[in-house]
Amino acid sequence: MKQDRFKHAALPRPKPGRPRADQAGDVERRIHEAATALFLEQGFGRATLDQIAERAHVGKTTLYSRYATKEALFEAVVRKCVETFLQEMDIVSVQGTLEQKLVRVGTELAQATLTPYVVSIMRITLAETNRFPEIAKEAFRLGFGACVQSIAAGLSGGEEPMDAERATGVGERFVELALHPLYFHAFFGDDLEHLNDRISDDVAQVARMLSKDLE
């Protein structure tokens, strides 16, 4: 999930007109890549739908028929970001004690999210909180919810599976205590390599504390 994946590359300009059904996925991909690149380069406020249409090599009508507002497109970009890091985690049934499960899944989640791309999307969202509070709330809901879902999924499988409601509660506490402090440092420019080096110790400490609280 590296930021380089979303840099703009020269694309052949398609012929004008409505895209065929078999081209719809490619059009959507180009729109998302162009929007992500421009949001990262210019921030949400300065990027425009016209710029995105031009970079994606699609007509304005095509773009506006899919996303009537820039807010709707940004929400789609955030959703795609969440889907991407969840797919890359590829969580399977985790074996072991509660502490061992938290360490395993929590470490994978921290490594999947402490990347230049994910942190940049978070920064853009925070930067626009005053102007577009609803976008910030939705982006937080999506990101926080996906992280909690990842932890809960790990705790709900394997030996001694935890019931879904309890697993969600533990997931929320784990994300708040282990991941949010790392994200906070990342927002203010702390070196990501240094933060990734902290993951093992931070995750292990919170996993141990939560496990003792639940004994």
C-alpha atoms as a PDB file:
ATOM      1  CA  MET A   1       0.000   0.000   0.000  1.00  0.00           C
ATOM      2  CA  LYS A   2       2.710   2.395  -0.911  1.00  0.00           C
ATOM      3  CA  GLN A   3       1.978   5.931  -1.971  1.00  0.00           C
ATOM      4  CA  ASP A   4       3.900   5.337  -5.212  1.00  0.00           C
ATOM      5  CA  ARG A   5       1.134   3.069  -6.391  1.00  0.00           C
ATOM      6  CA  PHE A   6      -1.179   6.050  -6.659  1.00  0.00           C
ATOM      7  CA  LYS A   7       1.074   8.425  -8.546  1.00  0.00           C
ATOM      8  CA  HIS A   8      -0.286   9.517 -11.872  1.00  0.00           C
ATOM      9  CA  ALA A   9       0.994   7.653 -14.896  1.00  0.00           C
ATOM     10  CA  ALA A  10       0.395   8.627 -18.491  1.00  0.00           C
ATOM     11  CA  LEU A  11      -2.771   6.944 -19.717  1.00  0.00           C
ATOM     12  CA  PRO A  12      -4.018   6.578 -23.285  1.00  0.00           C
ATOM     13  CA  ARG A  13      -6.900   8.955 -23.849  1.00  0.00           C
ATOM     14  CA  PRO A  14     -10.038   6.936 -24.583  1.00  0.00           C
ATOM     15  CA  LYS A  15     -12.410   7.801 -27.380  1.00  0.00           C
ATOM     16  CA  PRO A  16     -15.258  10.107 -26.372  1.00  0.00           C
ATOM     17  CA  GLY A  17     -18.662   8.699 -25.594  1.00  0.00           C
ATOM     18  CA  ARG A  18     -20.271   6.428 -23.068  1.00  0.00           C
ATOM     19  CA  PRO A  19     -17.896   3.633 -21.964  1.00  0.00           C
ATOM     20  CA  ARG A  20     -18.888   0.062 -22.769  1.00  0.00           C
ATOM     21  CA  ALA A  21     -19.965  -2.169 -19.887  1.00  0.00           C
ATOM     22  CA  ASP A  22     -16.649  -4.020 -20.035  1.00  0.00           C
ATOM     23  CA  GLN A  23     -14.797  -0.707 -19.727  1.00  0.00           C
ATOM     24  CA  ALA A  24     -16.690   0.546 -16.680  1.00  0.00           C
ATOM     25  CA  GLY A  25     -14.229  -0.968 -14.211  1.00  0.00           C
ATOM     26  CA  ASP A  26     -11.275   0.653 -15.951  1.00  0.00           C
ATOM     27  CA  VAL A  27     -13.010   4.049 -15.923  1.00  0.00           C
ATOM     28  CA  GLU A  28     -13.720   3.709 -12.198  1.00  0.00           C
ATOM     29  CA  ARG A  29     -10.110   2.707 -11.533  1.00  0.00           C
ATOM     30  CA  ARG A  30      -8.765   5.727 -13.434  1.00  0.00           C
ATOM     31  CA  ILE A  31     -11.098   8.073 -11.561  1.00  0.00           C
ATOM     32  CA  HIS A  32     -10.054   6.686  -8.187  1.00  0.00           C
ATOM     33  CA  GLU A  33      -6.343   6.823  -8.995  1.00  0.00           C
ATOM     34  CA  ALA A  34      -6.579  10.360 -10.341  1.00  0.00           C
ATOM     35  CA  ALA A  35      -8.652  11.553  -7.382  1.00  0.00           C
ATOM     36  CA  THR A  36      -6.283   9.936  -4.872  1.00  0.00           C
ATOM     37  CA  ALA A  37      -3.231  11.461  -6.533  1.00  0.00           C
ATOM     38  CA  LEU A  38      -4.738  14.964  -6.618  1.00  0.00           C
ATOM     39  CA  PHE A  39      -6.035  14.792  -3.046  1.00  0.00           C
ATOM     40  CA  LEU A  40      -2.567  13.760  -1.894  1.00  0.00           C
ATOM     41  CA  GLU A  41      -0.837  16.467  -3.963  1.00  0.00           C
ATOM     42  CA  GLN A  42      -3.178  19.403  -3.343  1.00  0.00           C
ATOM     43  CA  GLY A  43      -5.388  18.463  -0.422  1.00  0.00           C
ATOM     44  CA  PHE A  44      -9.138  18.091  -0.547  1.00  0.00           C
ATOM     45  CA  GLY A  45      -9.868  21.819  -0.667  1.00  0.00           C
ATOM     46  CA  ARG A  46      -7.755  22.702  -3.719  1.00  0.00           C
ATOM     47  CA  ALA A  47      -8.426  19.640  -5.878  1.00  0.00           C
ATOM     48  CA  THR A  48     -11.382  20.012  -8.238  1.00  0.00           C
ATOM     49  CA  LEU A  49     -13.606  17.533 -10.055  1.00  0.00           C
ATOM     50  CA  ASP A  50     -12.588  19.102 -13.371  1.00  0.00           C
ATOM     51  CA  GLN A  51      -8.915  18.435 -12.594  1.00  0.00           C
ATOM     52  CA  ILE A  52      -9.744  14.868 -11.632  1.00  0.00           C
ATOM     53  CA  ALA A  53     -11.689  14.287 -14.859  1.00  0.00           C
ATOM     54  CA  GLU A  54      -8.785  15.641 -16.915  1.00  0.00           C
ATOM     55  CA  ARG A  55      -6.181  13.512 -15.139  1.00  0.00           C
ATOM     56  CA  ALA A  56      -8.356  10.394 -15.349  1.00  0.00           C
ATOM     57  CA  HIS A  57      -8.947  11.011 -19.071  1.00  0.00           C
ATOM     58  CA  VAL A  58     -12.714  10.807 -18.694  1.00  0.00           C
ATOM     59  CA  GLY A  59     -15.419  13.233 -19.707  1.00  0.00           C
ATOM     60  CA  LYS A  60     -16.922  15.516 -17.101  1.00  0.00           C
ATOM     61  CA  THR A  61     -20.324  13.947 -17.734  1.00  0.00           C
ATOM     62  CA  THR A  62     -18.886  10.510 -16.981  1.00  0.00           C
ATOM     63  CA  LEU A  63     -17.347  11.716 -13.723  1.00  0.00           C
ATOM     64  CA  TYR A  64     -20.378  13.695 -12.559  1.00  0.00           C
ATOM     65  CA  SER A  65     -22.719  10.793 -13.335  1.00  0.00           C
ATOM     66  CA  ARG A  66     -20.765   8.712 -10.834  1.00  0.00           C
ATOM     67  CA  TYR A  67     -19.899  11.377  -8.266  1.00  0.00           C
ATOM     68  CA  ALA A  68     -22.110  14.441  -8.126  1.00  0.00           C
ATOM     69  CA  THR A  69     -19.899  16.105  -5.514  1.00  0.00           C
ATOM     70  CA  LYS A  70     -16.258  16.128  -4.519  1.00  0.00           C
ATOM     71  CA  GLU A  71     -17.308  15.016  -1.044  1.00  0.00           C
ATOM     72  CA  ALA A  72     -18.866  11.836  -2.474  1.00  0.00           C
ATOM     73  CA  LEU A  73     -15.703  11.073  -4.428  1.00  0.00           C
ATOM     74  CA  PHE A  74     -13.477  11.648  -1.393  1.00  0.00           C
ATOM     75  CA  GLU A  75     -15.636   9.287   0.649  1.00  0.00           C
ATOM     76  CA  ALA A  76     -15.202   6.668  -2.098  1.00  0.00           C
ATOM     77  CA  VAL A  77     -11.426   7.169  -1.996  1.00  0.00           C
ATOM     78  CA  VAL A  78     -11.415   6.649   1.782  1.00  0.00           C
ATOM     79  CA  ARG A  79     -13.551   3.517   1.419  1.00  0.00           C
ATOM     80  CA  LYS A  80     -11.130   2.180  -1.177  1.00  0.00           C
ATOM     81  CA  CYS A  81      -8.228   2.887   1.153  1.00  0.00           C
ATOM     82  CA  VAL A  82      -9.927   0.909   3.924  1.00  0.00           C
ATOM     83  CA  GLU A  83     -10.763  -1.987   1.585  1.00  0.00           C
ATOM     84  CA  THR A  84      -7.175  -2.110   0.334  1.00  0.00           C
ATOM     85  CA  PHE A  85      -5.485  -2.420   3.704  1.00  0.00           C
ATOM     86  CA  LEU A  86      -8.081  -4.959   4.882  1.00  0.00           C
ATOM     87  CA  GLN A  87      -7.412  -7.086   1.796  1.00  0.00           C
ATOM     88  CA  GLU A  88      -3.670  -6.836   2.314  1.00  0.00           C
ATOM     89  CA  MET A  89      -3.988  -7.992   5.920  1.00  0.00           C
ATOM     90  CA  ASP A  90      -5.759 -11.202   4.805  1.00  0.00           C
ATOM     91  CA  ILE A  91      -6.738 -12.132   8.364  1.00  0.00           C
ATOM     92  CA  VAL A  92      -7.197 -15.847   8.955  1.00  0.00           C
ATOM     93  CA  SER A  93      -8.165 -17.775  12.057  1.00  0.00           C
ATOM     94  CA  VAL A  94      -5.656 -16.899  14.789  1.00  0.00           C
ATOM     95  CA  GLN A  95      -4.625 -19.467  17.376  1.00  0.00           C
ATOM     96  CA  GLY A  96      -3.440 -18.887  20.921  1.00  0.00           C
ATOM     97  CA  THR A  97      -4.408 -16.988  24.037  1.00  0.00           C
ATOM     98  CA  LEU A  98      -6.178 -13.637  23.984  1.00  0.00           C
ATOM     99  CA  GLU A  99      -2.840 -11.874  24.415  1.00  0.00           C
ATOM    100  CA  GLN A 100      -1.243 -13.848  21.579  1.00  0.00           C
ATOM    101  CA  LYS A 101      -4.177 -13.146  19.262  1.00  0.00           C
ATOM    102  CA  LEU A 102      -4.031  -9.426  20.013  1.00  0.00           C
ATOM    103  CA  VAL A 103      -0.305  -9.326  19.352  1.00  0.00           C
ATOM    104  CA  ARG A 104      -0.619 -11.191  16.055  1.00  0.00           C
ATOM    105  CA  VAL A 105      -3.573  -9.267  14.602  1.00  0.00           C
ATOM    106  CA  GLY A 106      -2.620  -5.935  16.163  1.00  0.00           C
ATOM    107  CA  THR A 107       0.871  -6.074  14.713  1.00  0.00           C
ATOM    108  CA  GLU A 108      -0.427  -6.853  11.223  1.00  0.00           C
ATOM    109  CA  LEU A 109      -2.990  -4.054  11.469  1.00  0.00           C
ATOM    110  CA  ALA A 110      -0.432  -1.488  12.650  1.00  0.00           C
ATOM    111  CA  GLN A 111       1.971  -2.416   9.850  1.00  0.00           C
ATOM    112  CA  ALA A 112      -0.842  -2.205   7.265  1.00  0.00           C
ATOM    113  CA  THR A 113      -1.926   1.271   8.350  1.00  0.00           C
ATOM    114  CA  LEU A 114       1.332   3.027   9.241  1.00  0.00           C
ATOM    115  CA  THR A 115       2.203   3.651   5.589  1.00  0.00           C
ATOM    116  CA  PRO A 116       2.707   6.928   3.696  1.00  0.00           C
ATOM    117  CA  TYR A 117      -0.546   6.466   1.742  1.00  0.00           C
ATOM    118  CA  VAL A 118      -2.837   5.707   4.691  1.00  0.00           C
ATOM    119  CA  VAL A 119      -1.303   8.410   6.879  1.00  0.00           C
ATOM    120  CA  SER A 120      -1.635  10.954   4.051  1.00  0.00           C
ATOM    121  CA  ILE A 121      -5.345  10.171   3.652  1.00  0.00           C
ATOM    122  CA  MET A 122      -5.797  10.609   7.405  1.00  0.00           C
ATOM    123  CA  ARG A 123      -3.958  13.946   7.324  1.00  0.00           C
ATOM    124  CA  ILE A 124      -6.128  15.240   4.463  1.00  0.00           C
ATOM    125  CA  THR A 125      -9.262  14.318   6.386  1.00  0.00           C
ATOM    126  CA  LEU A 126      -8.047  16.041   9.554  1.00  0.00           C
ATOM    127  CA  ALA A 127      -7.015  19.151   7.639  1.00  0.00           C
ATOM    128  CA  GLU A 128     -10.571  19.607   6.344  1.00  0.00           C
ATOM    129  CA  THR A 129     -12.382  18.926   9.632  1.00  0.00           C
ATOM    130  CA  ASN A 130     -13.503  22.527  10.186  1.00  0.00           C
ATOM    131  CA  ARG A 131     -14.749  23.057   6.637  1.00  0.00           C
ATOM    132  CA  PHE A 132     -16.239  19.612   6.103  1.00  0.00           C
ATOM    133  CA  PRO A 133     -16.956  18.064   9.513  1.00  0.00           C
ATOM    134  CA  GLU A 134     -19.281  15.406   8.099  1.00  0.00           C
ATOM    135  CA  ILE A 135     -16.551  14.098   5.793  1.00  0.00           C
ATOM    136  CA  ALA A 136     -14.141  13.915   8.714  1.00  0.00           C
ATOM    137  CA  LYS A 137     -16.696  12.046  10.828  1.00  0.00           C
ATOM    138  CA  GLU A 138     -17.411   9.570   8.045  1.00  0.00           C
ATOM    139  CA  ALA A 139     -13.730   8.992   7.300  1.00  0.00           C
ATOM    140  CA  PHE A 140     -13.057   8.380  10.985  1.00  0.00           C
ATOM    141  CA  ARG A 141     -16.039   6.029  11.227  1.00  0.00           C
ATOM    142  CA  LEU A 142     -14.829   4.016   8.253  1.00  0.00           C
ATOM    143  CA  GLY A 143     -11.196   3.831   9.352  1.00  0.00           C
ATOM    144  CA  PHE A 144     -11.861   3.197  13.034  1.00  0.00           C
ATOM    145  CA  GLY A 145     -14.591   0.695  12.240  1.00  0.00           C
ATOM    146  CA  ALA A 146     -12.361  -1.242   9.860  1.00  0.00           C
ATOM    147  CA  CYS A 147      -9.546  -1.431  12.422  1.00  0.00           C
ATOM    148  CA  VAL A 148     -11.929  -2.629  15.127  1.00  0.00           C
ATOM    149  CA  GLN A 149     -13.422  -5.146  12.713  1.00  0.00           C
ATOM    150  CA  SER A 150      -9.954  -6.547  12.008  1.00  0.00           C
ATOM    151  CA  ILE A 151      -9.170  -7.036  15.698  1.00  0.00           C
ATOM    152  CA  ALA A 152     -12.611  -8.508  16.442  1.00  0.00           C
ATOM    153  CA  ALA A 153     -12.282 -10.968  13.547  1.00  0.00           C
ATOM    154  CA  GLY A 154      -9.004 -12.247  14.965  1.00  0.00           C
ATOM    155  CA  LEU A 155     -10.494 -12.698  18.434  1.00  0.00           C
ATOM    156  CA  SER A 156     -13.637 -14.438  17.166  1.00  0.00           C
ATOM    157  CA  GLY A 157     -11.777 -17.392  15.667  1.00  0.00           C
ATOM    158  CA  GLY A 158      -9.238 -20.010  16.679  1.00  0.00           C
ATOM    159  CA  GLU A 159      -9.120 -21.544  20.148  1.00  0.00           C
ATOM    160  CA  GLU A 160     -11.562 -20.176  22.707  1.00  0.00           C
ATOM    161  CA  PRO A 161     -13.318 -17.798  20.284  1.00  0.00           C
ATOM    162  CA  MET A 162     -14.724 -14.647  21.848  1.00  0.00           C
ATOM    163  CA  ASP A 163     -18.343 -13.679  21.186  1.00  0.00           C
ATOM    164  CA  ALA A 164     -18.800 -10.901  18.648  1.00  0.00           C
ATOM    165  CA  GLU A 165     -19.993  -8.173  21.032  1.00  0.00           C
ATOM    166  CA  ARG A 166     -17.158  -8.720  23.481  1.00  0.00           C
ATOM    167  CA  ALA A 167     -14.593  -8.987  20.679  1.00  0.00           C
ATOM    168  CA  THR A 168     -15.766  -5.649  19.282  1.00  0.00           C
ATOM    169  CA  GLY A 169     -15.390  -4.000  22.681  1.00  0.00           C
ATOM    170  CA  VAL A 170     -11.854  -5.334  23.063  1.00  0.00           C
ATOM    171  CA  GLY A 171     -11.075  -4.238  19.510  1.00  0.00           C
ATOM    172  CA  GLU A 172     -12.184  -0.688  20.240  1.00  0.00           C
ATOM    173  CA  ARG A 173     -10.019  -0.454  23.350  1.00  0.00           C
ATOM    174  CA  PHE A 174      -7.030  -1.952  21.561  1.00  0.00           C
ATOM    175  CA  VAL A 175      -7.237   0.503  18.656  1.00  0.00           C
ATOM    176  CA  GLU A 176      -7.610   3.456  21.016  1.00  0.00           C
ATOM    177  CA  LEU A 177      -4.697   2.430  23.235  1.00  0.00           C
ATOM    178  CA  ALA A 178      -2.225   0.850  20.806  1.00  0.00           C
ATOM    179  CA  LEU A 179      -2.818   2.410  17.395  1.00  0.00           C
ATOM    180  CA  HIS A 180      -4.136   5.923  17.940  1.00  0.00           C
ATOM    181  CA  PRO A 181      -0.995   7.113  19.765  1.00  0.00           C
ATOM    182  CA  LEU A 182       1.128   5.910  16.826  1.00  0.00           C
ATOM    183  CA  TYR A 183      -1.170   7.658  14.344  1.00  0.00           C
ATOM    184  CA  PHE A 184      -0.978  10.868  16.384  1.00  0.00           C
ATOM    185  CA  HIS A 185       2.812  10.890  16.098  1.00  0.00           C
ATOM    186  CA  ALA A 186       2.564  10.125  12.362  1.00  0.00           C
ATOM    187  CA  PHE A 187       0.198  13.071  11.769  1.00  0.00           C
ATOM    188  CA  PHE A 188       2.780  15.466  13.166  1.00  0.00           C
ATOM    189  CA  GLY A 189       5.608  14.174  11.041  1.00  0.00           C
ATOM    190  CA  ASP A 190       7.306  11.546  13.180  1.00  0.00           C
ATOM    191  CA  ASP A 191       9.361   9.215  11.012  1.00  0.00           C
ATOM    192  CA  LEU A 192       7.267   6.239   9.866  1.00  0.00           C
ATOM    193  CA  GLU A 193      10.229   3.879   9.985  1.00  0.00           C
ATOM    194  CA  HIS A 194      10.769   4.825  13.625  1.00  0.00           C
ATOM    195  CA  LEU A 195       7.062   4.346  14.390  1.00  0.00           C
ATOM    196  CA  ASN A 196       7.057   0.944  12.717  1.00  0.00           C
ATOM    197  CA  ASP A 197       9.984  -0.015  14.949  1.00  0.00           C
ATOM    198  CA  ARG A 198       7.776   0.830  17.943  1.00  0.00           C
ATOM    199  CA  ILE A 199       4.917  -1.414  16.868  1.00  0.00           C
ATOM    200  CA  SER A 200       6.092  -4.635  18.518  1.00  0.00           C
ATOM    201  CA  ASP A 201       6.639  -3.094  21.946  1.00  0.00           C
ATOM    202  CA  ASP A 202       3.504  -0.923  21.913  1.00  0.00           C
ATOM    203  CA  VAL A 203       1.216  -3.713  20.704  1.00  0.00           C
ATOM    204  CA  ALA A 204       2.642  -6.234  23.168  1.00  0.00           C
ATOM    205  CA  GLN A 205       2.223  -3.822  26.097  1.00  0.00           C
ATOM    206  CA  VAL A 206      -1.436  -3.066  25.310  1.00  0.00           C
ATOM    207  CA  ALA A 207      -2.214  -6.728  24.572  1.00  0.00           C
ATOM    208  CA  ARG A 208      -0.768  -7.749  27.937  1.00  0.00           C
ATOM    209  CA  MET A 209      -2.717  -5.042  29.779  1.00  0.00           C
ATOM    210  CA  LEU A 210      -6.051  -5.881  28.139  1.00  0.00           C
ATOM    211  CA  SER A 211      -5.549  -9.585  28.699  1.00  0.00           C
ATOM    212  CA  LYS A 212      -5.011  -9.053  32.427  1.00  0.00           C
ATOM    213  CA  ASP A 213      -8.070  -6.793  32.642  1.00  0.00           C
ATOM    214  CA  LEU A 214     -10.224  -9.540  31.102  1.00  0.00           C
ATOM    215  CA  GLU A 215      -8.956 -12.411  33.257  1.00  0.00           C
END
